[in-house]
PDB file of N, CA and C in Angstrom:
ATOM      1  N   MET A   1       0.713  -1.138   0.064  1.00  0.00           N
ATOM      2  CA  MET A   1      -0.050  -0.014  -0.382  1.00  0.00           C
ATOM      3  C   MET A   1       0.864   1.272   0.170  1.00  0.00           C
ATOM      4  N   ILE A   2       0.758   2.111  -0.805  1.00  0.00           N
ATOM      5  CA  ILE A   2       1.417   3.321  -1.024  1.00  0.00           C
ATOM      6  C   ILE A   2       0.926   4.666   0.043  1.00  0.00           C
ATOM      7  N   PRO A   3       1.981   5.111   0.688  1.00  0.00           N
ATOM      8  CA  PRO A   3       1.356   5.986   1.729  1.00  0.00           C
ATOM      9  C   PRO A   3       0.571   7.378   0.904  1.00  0.00           C
ATOM     10  N   LEU A   4      -0.135   8.056   2.106  1.00  0.00           N
ATOM     11  CA  LEU A   4      -0.787   9.309   1.507  1.00  0.00           C
ATOM     12  C   LEU A   4      -0.235  10.295   1.282  1.00  0.00           C
ATOM     13  N   ASP A   5       1.042  10.432   1.832  1.00  0.00           N
ATOM     14  CA  ASP A   5       2.313  11.656   1.372  1.00  0.00           C
ATOM     15  C   ASP A   5       2.690  11.071  -0.046  1.00  0.00           C
ATOM     16  N   GLU A   6       2.699   9.881   0.044  1.00  0.00           N
ATOM     17  CA  GLU A   6       3.491   9.850  -1.535  1.00  0.00           C
ATOM     18  C   GLU A   6       2.450  10.302  -2.845  1.00  0.00           C
ATOM     19  N   LYS A   7       1.197   9.713  -2.363  1.00  0.00           N
ATOM     20  CA  LYS A   7      -0.012   9.758  -3.318  1.00  0.00           C
ATOM     21  C   LYS A   7      -0.234  11.072  -3.244  1.00  0.00           C
ATOM     22  N   ARG A   8      -0.243  12.167  -2.368  1.00  0.00           N
ATOM     23  CA  ARG A   8      -0.382  13.719  -2.717  1.00  0.00           C
ATOM     24  C   ARG A   8       0.599  14.425  -3.580  1.00  0.00           C
ATOM     25  N   GLU A   9       2.516  13.711  -3.046  1.00  0.00           N
ATOM     26  CA  GLU A   9       3.220  14.092  -3.921  1.00  0.00           C
ATOM     27  C   GLU A   9       3.227  13.777  -5.491  1.00  0.00           C
ATOM     28  N   ALA A  10       2.654  12.429  -5.745  1.00  0.00           N
ATOM     29  CA  ALA A  10       2.210  11.827  -7.176  1.00  0.00           C
ATOM     30  C   ALA A  10       1.313  13.007  -7.350  1.00  0.00           C
ATOM     31  N   ILE A  11       0.177  13.182  -7.210  1.00  0.00           N
ATOM     32  CA  ILE A  11      -0.476  14.033  -7.698  1.00  0.00           C
ATOM     33  C   ILE A  11      -0.212  15.565  -7.562  1.00  0.00           C
ATOM     34  N   GLU A  12       0.691  16.175  -7.021  1.00  0.00           N
ATOM     35  CA  GLU A  12       1.008  17.545  -7.083  1.00  0.00           C
ATOM     36  C   GLU A  12       2.283  17.460  -8.521  1.00  0.00           C
ATOM     37  N   LEU A  13       2.873  16.534  -8.446  1.00  0.00           N
ATOM     38  CA  LEU A  13       3.643  16.461  -9.641  1.00  0.00           C
ATOM     39  C   LEU A  13       3.141  16.357 -10.836  1.00  0.00           C
ATOM     40  N   VAL A  14       1.933  15.750 -10.893  1.00  0.00           N
ATOM     41  CA  VAL A  14       1.214  15.586 -12.211  1.00  0.00           C
ATOM     42  C   VAL A  14       0.873  16.884 -12.601  1.00  0.00           C
ATOM     43  N   SER A  15       0.199  17.406 -11.455  1.00  0.00           N
ATOM     44  CA  SER A  15      -0.771  18.560 -11.912  1.00  0.00           C
ATOM     45  C   SER A  15       0.190  19.477 -11.878  1.00  0.00           C
ATOM     46  N   GLU A  16       1.507  19.590 -11.660  1.00  0.00           N
ATOM     47  CA  GLU A  16       2.401  20.770 -12.119  1.00  0.00           C
ATOM     48  C   GLU A  16       2.605  20.639 -13.435  1.00  0.00           C
ATOM     49  N   ALA A  17       2.968  19.356 -13.706  1.00  0.00           N
ATOM     50  CA  ALA A  17       3.312  18.826 -15.377  1.00  0.00           C
ATOM     51  C   ALA A  17       2.170  19.213 -16.138  1.00  0.00           C
ATOM     52  N   VAL A  18       0.958  18.885 -15.787  1.00  0.00           N
ATOM     53  CA  VAL A  18       0.045  19.222 -16.696  1.00  0.00           C
ATOM     54  C   VAL A  18      -0.401  20.831 -16.936  1.00  0.00           C
ATOM     55  N   SER A  19      -0.138  21.570 -15.548  1.00  0.00           N
ATOM     56  CA  SER A  19      -0.191  22.892 -15.869  1.00  0.00           C
ATOM     57  C   SER A  19       1.070  23.571 -16.569  1.00  0.00           C
ATOM     58  N   SER A  20       1.889  23.129 -16.413  1.00  0.00           N
ATOM     59  CA  SER A  20       3.483  23.429 -17.596  1.00  0.00           C
ATOM     60  C   SER A  20       2.843  22.903 -18.668  1.00  0.00           C
ATOM     61  N   GLY A  21       1.943  22.057 -19.225  1.00  0.00           N
ATOM     62  CA  GLY A  21       1.632  21.888 -20.885  1.00  0.00           C
ATOM     63  C   GLY A  21       1.873  20.530 -21.159  1.00  0.00           C
ATOM     64  N   ALA A  22       1.903  19.562 -20.221  1.00  0.00           N
ATOM     65  CA  ALA A  22       2.404  18.557 -20.312  1.00  0.00           C
ATOM     66  C   ALA A  22       1.114  17.657 -20.187  1.00  0.00           C
ATOM     67  N   ARG A  23       0.727  16.070 -21.053  1.00  0.00           N
ATOM     68  CA  ARG A  23      -0.332  15.657 -21.000  1.00  0.00           C
ATOM     69  C   ARG A  23      -0.596  14.467 -19.736  1.00  0.00           C
ATOM     70  N   LYS A  24      -1.848  14.504 -19.472  1.00  0.00           N
ATOM     71  CA  LYS A  24      -1.875  14.057 -18.065  1.00  0.00           C
ATOM     72  C   LYS A  24      -1.291  12.333 -18.118  1.00  0.00           C
ATOM     73  N   ARG A  25      -1.770  12.092 -18.894  1.00  0.00           N
ATOM     74  CA  ARG A  25      -1.146  10.423 -19.261  1.00  0.00           C
ATOM     75  C   ARG A  25       0.398   9.741 -19.498  1.00  0.00           C
ATOM     76  N   PRO A  26       1.273  10.574 -20.176  1.00  0.00           N
ATOM     77  CA  PRO A  26       2.461  10.536 -20.167  1.00  0.00           C
ATOM     78  C   PRO A  26       2.964  10.650 -19.015  1.00  0.00           C
ATOM     79  N   ALA A  27       2.709  12.168 -18.278  1.00  0.00           N
ATOM     80  CA  ALA A  27       3.116  12.103 -17.295  1.00  0.00           C
ATOM     81  C   ALA A  27       2.624  11.178 -15.994  1.00  0.00           C
ATOM     82  N   CYS A  28       1.714  10.587 -16.168  1.00  0.00           N
ATOM     83  CA  CYS A  28       1.493   9.608 -15.133  1.00  0.00           C
ATOM     84  C   CYS A  28       2.457   8.288 -15.456  1.00  0.00           C
ATOM     85  N   GLU A  29       2.184   7.851 -16.498  1.00  0.00           N
ATOM     86  CA  GLU A  29       3.252   7.006 -16.950  1.00  0.00           C
ATOM     87  C   GLU A  29       5.092   7.014 -16.469  1.00  0.00           C
ATOM     88  N   LEU A  30       5.472   8.505 -16.373  1.00  0.00           N
ATOM     89  CA  LEU A  30       6.596   8.549 -15.924  1.00  0.00           C
ATOM     90  C   LEU A  30       6.487   8.354 -14.339  1.00  0.00           C
ATOM     91  N   LEU A  31       5.608   8.299 -13.785  1.00  0.00           N
ATOM     92  CA  LEU A  31       5.438   7.414 -12.559  1.00  0.00           C
ATOM     93  C   LEU A  31       5.139   6.049 -12.296  1.00  0.00           C
ATOM     94  N   GLY A  32       4.978   5.807 -13.383  1.00  0.00           N
ATOM     95  CA  GLY A  32       4.426   4.087 -13.083  1.00  0.00           C
ATOM     96  C   GLY A  32       2.840   4.289 -12.372  1.00  0.00           C
ATOM     97  N   VAL A  33       2.017   5.023 -12.792  1.00  0.00           N
ATOM     98  CA  VAL A  33       0.507   4.935 -12.335  1.00  0.00           C
ATOM     99  C   VAL A  33      -0.124   5.523 -13.781  1.00  0.00           C
ATOM    100  N   SER A  34      -1.348   4.645 -13.609  1.00  0.00           N
ATOM    101  CA  SER A  34      -2.225   4.794 -14.204  1.00  0.00           C
ATOM    102  C   SER A  34      -3.088   6.228 -14.532  1.00  0.00           C
ATOM    103  N   VAL A  35      -3.807   6.653 -15.348  1.00  0.00           N
ATOM    104  CA  VAL A  35      -4.528   8.241 -14.684  1.00  0.00           C
ATOM    105  C   VAL A  35      -5.622   7.570 -13.966  1.00  0.00           C
ATOM    106  N   ARG A  36      -6.240   6.255 -14.145  1.00  0.00           N
ATOM    107  CA  ARG A  36      -7.154   5.932 -12.968  1.00  0.00           C
ATOM    108  C   ARG A  36      -6.876   6.073 -12.003  1.00  0.00           C
ATOM    109  N   THR A  37      -5.166   5.380 -11.786  1.00  0.00           N
ATOM    110  CA  THR A  37      -5.208   5.283 -10.108  1.00  0.00           C
ATOM    111  C   THR A  37      -4.766   6.738  -9.608  1.00  0.00           C
ATOM    112  N   LEU A  38      -4.375   7.809 -10.561  1.00  0.00           N
ATOM    113  CA  LEU A  38      -4.206   9.039 -10.290  1.00  0.00           C
ATOM    114  C   LEU A  38      -5.847   9.560  -9.596  1.00  0.00           C
ATOM    115  N   GLN A  39      -6.481   9.454 -10.570  1.00  0.00           N
ATOM    116  CA  GLN A  39      -8.229  10.181 -10.023  1.00  0.00           C
ATOM    117  C   GLN A  39      -8.665   9.245  -8.821  1.00  0.00           C
ATOM    118  N   ARG A  40      -8.355   7.715  -8.425  1.00  0.00           N
ATOM    119  CA  ARG A  40      -8.634   7.301  -6.749  1.00  0.00           C
ATOM    120  C   ARG A  40      -8.098   7.873  -6.292  1.00  0.00           C
ATOM    121  N   TRP A  41      -6.613   7.812  -6.176  1.00  0.00           N
ATOM    122  CA  TRP A  41      -5.695   8.524  -5.178  1.00  0.00           C
ATOM    123  C   TRP A  41      -6.400   9.960  -4.793  1.00  0.00           C
ATOM    124  N   GLU A  42      -6.865  11.026  -5.843  1.00  0.00           N
ATOM    125  CA  GLU A  42      -7.346  12.298  -5.758  1.00  0.00           C
ATOM    126  C   GLU A  42      -8.345  12.445  -4.987  1.00  0.00           C
ATOM    127  N   THR A  43      -9.468  11.152  -5.081  1.00  0.00           N
ATOM    128  CA  THR A  43     -10.625  11.147  -4.435  1.00  0.00           C
ATOM    129  C   THR A  43     -10.730  10.934  -2.864  1.00  0.00           C
ATOM    130  N   GLU A  44      -9.652   9.857  -3.137  1.00  0.00           N
ATOM    131  CA  GLU A  44      -8.959   9.297  -1.272  1.00  0.00           C
ATOM    132  C   GLU A  44      -8.336  10.559  -0.726  1.00  0.00           C
ATOM    133  N   CYS A  45      -7.407  11.444  -1.240  1.00  0.00           N
ATOM    134  CA  CYS A  45      -6.814  12.346  -0.530  1.00  0.00           C
ATOM    135  C   CYS A  45      -7.919  13.313  -0.346  1.00  0.00           C
ATOM    136  N   ARG A  46      -9.253  13.897  -1.167  1.00  0.00           N
ATOM    137  CA  ARG A  46     -10.016  14.853  -0.974  1.00  0.00           C
ATOM    138  C   ARG A  46     -10.833  14.098   0.272  1.00  0.00           C
ATOM    139  N   GLU A  47     -11.339  12.972   0.355  1.00  0.00           N
ATOM    140  CA  GLU A  47     -12.335  12.315   1.488  1.00  0.00           C
ATOM    141  C   GLU A  47     -11.686  12.375   2.843  1.00  0.00           C
ATOM    142  N   ASP A  48      -9.882  11.990   2.560  1.00  0.00           N
ATOM    143  CA  ASP A  48      -9.445  12.119   3.744  1.00  0.00           C
ATOM    144  C   ASP A  48      -9.232  13.445   4.601  1.00  0.00           C
ATOM    145  N   PHE A  49      -9.760  14.432   4.217  1.00  0.00           N
ATOM    146  CA  PHE A  49      -9.806  15.836   4.926  1.00  0.00           C
ATOM    147  C   PHE A  49     -11.094  15.800   5.522  1.00  0.00           C
ATOM    148  N   ARG A  50     -12.128  15.290   5.541  1.00  0.00           N
ATOM    149  CA  ARG A  50     -13.308  14.824   5.768  1.00  0.00           C
ATOM    150  C   ARG A  50     -13.414  13.989   7.106  1.00  0.00           C
ATOM    151  N   LYS A  51     -12.671  13.210   7.550  1.00  0.00           N
ATOM    152  CA  LYS A  51     -12.588  12.244   8.378  1.00  0.00           C
ATOM    153  C   LYS A  51     -13.251  12.444   9.309  1.00  0.00           C
ATOM    154  N   ASP A  52     -13.222  14.237  10.058  1.00  0.00           N
ATOM    155  CA  ASP A  52     -12.916  14.740  11.335  1.00  0.00           C
ATOM    156  C   ASP A  52     -15.042  15.161  11.165  1.00  0.00           C
ATOM    157  N   VAL A  53     -15.082  15.002  10.004  1.00  0.00           N
ATOM    158  CA  VAL A  53     -16.787  15.677   9.754  1.00  0.00           C
ATOM    159  C   VAL A  53     -17.548  14.478  10.121  1.00  0.00           C
ATOM    160  N   GLN A  54     -18.647  15.112  10.879  1.00  0.00           N
ATOM    161  CA  GLN A  54     -19.862  13.834  11.399  1.00  0.00           C
ATOM    162  C   GLN A  54     -20.462  13.365   9.919  1.00  0.00           C
ATOM    163  N   LYS A  55     -20.918  12.327   9.479  1.00  0.00           N
ATOM    164  CA  LYS A  55     -20.916  11.797   8.181  1.00  0.00           C
ATOM    165  C   LYS A  55     -22.546  11.773   8.219  1.00  0.00           C
ATOM    166  N   HIS A  56     -22.932  10.893   9.456  1.00  0.00           N
ATOM    167  CA  HIS A  56     -24.361  10.856   9.565  1.00  0.00           C
ATOM    168  C   HIS A  56     -25.029  11.443  10.680  1.00  0.00           C
ATOM    169  N   ILE A  57     -25.649  12.298  10.335  1.00  0.00           N
ATOM    170  CA  ILE A  57     -26.902  13.289  11.374  1.00  0.00           C
ATOM    171  C   ILE A  57     -27.942  12.762  11.860  1.00  0.00           C
ATOM    172  N   PRO A  58     -27.916  11.975  13.034  1.00  0.00           N
ATOM    173  CA  PRO A  58     -29.455  11.268  13.152  1.00  0.00           C
ATOM    174  C   PRO A  58     -30.548  11.831  13.197  1.00  0.00           C
ATOM    175  N   ARG A  59     -31.583  11.435  12.668  1.00  0.00           N
ATOM    176  CA  ARG A  59     -32.661  12.079  12.418  1.00  0.00           C
ATOM    177  C   ARG A  59     -33.779  11.903  13.471  1.00  0.00           C
ATOM    178  N   LYS A  60     -33.511  10.746  14.208  1.00  0.00           N
ATOM    179  CA  LYS A  60     -34.346  10.272  15.104  1.00  0.00           C
ATOM    180  C   LYS A  60     -34.667  11.226  16.468  1.00  0.00           C
ATOM    181  N   LEU A  61     -35.868  11.349  16.970  1.00  0.00           N
ATOM    182  CA  LEU A  61     -35.905  12.214  17.879  1.00  0.00           C
ATOM    183  C   LEU A  61     -35.313  11.656  19.341  1.00  0.00           C
ATOM    184  N   THR A  62     -35.086  12.040  20.050  1.00  0.00           N
ATOM    185  CA  THR A  62     -34.704  11.686  21.386  1.00  0.00           C
ATOM    186  C   THR A  62     -36.053  11.709  22.609  1.00  0.00           C
ATOM    187  N   PRO A  63     -35.618  10.914  23.463  1.00  0.00           N
ATOM    188  CA  PRO A  63     -37.276  11.094  24.430  1.00  0.00           C
ATOM    189  C   PRO A  63     -37.324  12.491  24.654  1.00  0.00           C
ATOM    190  N   GLU A  64     -36.187  13.311  25.234  1.00  0.00           N
ATOM    191  CA  GLU A  64     -36.338  14.818  25.321  1.00  0.00           C
ATOM    192  C   GLU A  64     -37.088  15.672  24.446  1.00  0.00           C
ATOM    193  N   GLU A  65     -36.607  15.043  23.241  1.00  0.00           N
ATOM    194  CA  GLU A  65     -37.419  16.001  22.289  1.00  0.00           C
ATOM    195  C   GLU A  65     -38.924  15.843  21.818  1.00  0.00           C
ATOM    196  N   ARG A  66     -39.227  14.458  22.348  1.00  0.00           N
ATOM    197  CA  ARG A  66     -40.447  14.167  21.726  1.00  0.00           C
ATOM    198  C   ARG A  66     -41.451  15.054  23.055  1.00  0.00           C
ATOM    199  N   GLN A  67     -41.051  14.841  23.828  1.00  0.00           N
ATOM    200  CA  GLN A  67     -41.952  15.730  25.146  1.00  0.00           C
ATOM    201  C   GLN A  67     -41.985  16.900  24.741  1.00  0.00           C
TER     202      GLN A  67
END
């Protein structure tokens, strides 16, 4: 398993290359990952920032709220 910091570094490198005019696929190939893998890593890194956010908000009323 690749550590999160290495994934973030790969995302930065490809992003920097693309902003400098390179194509995404060749940039990914230089790192030895597919474009699809990079897309998954981008999703993982985005979700990782939200780990402290409460994902499920209970909708059931407590007994105190019912009264």
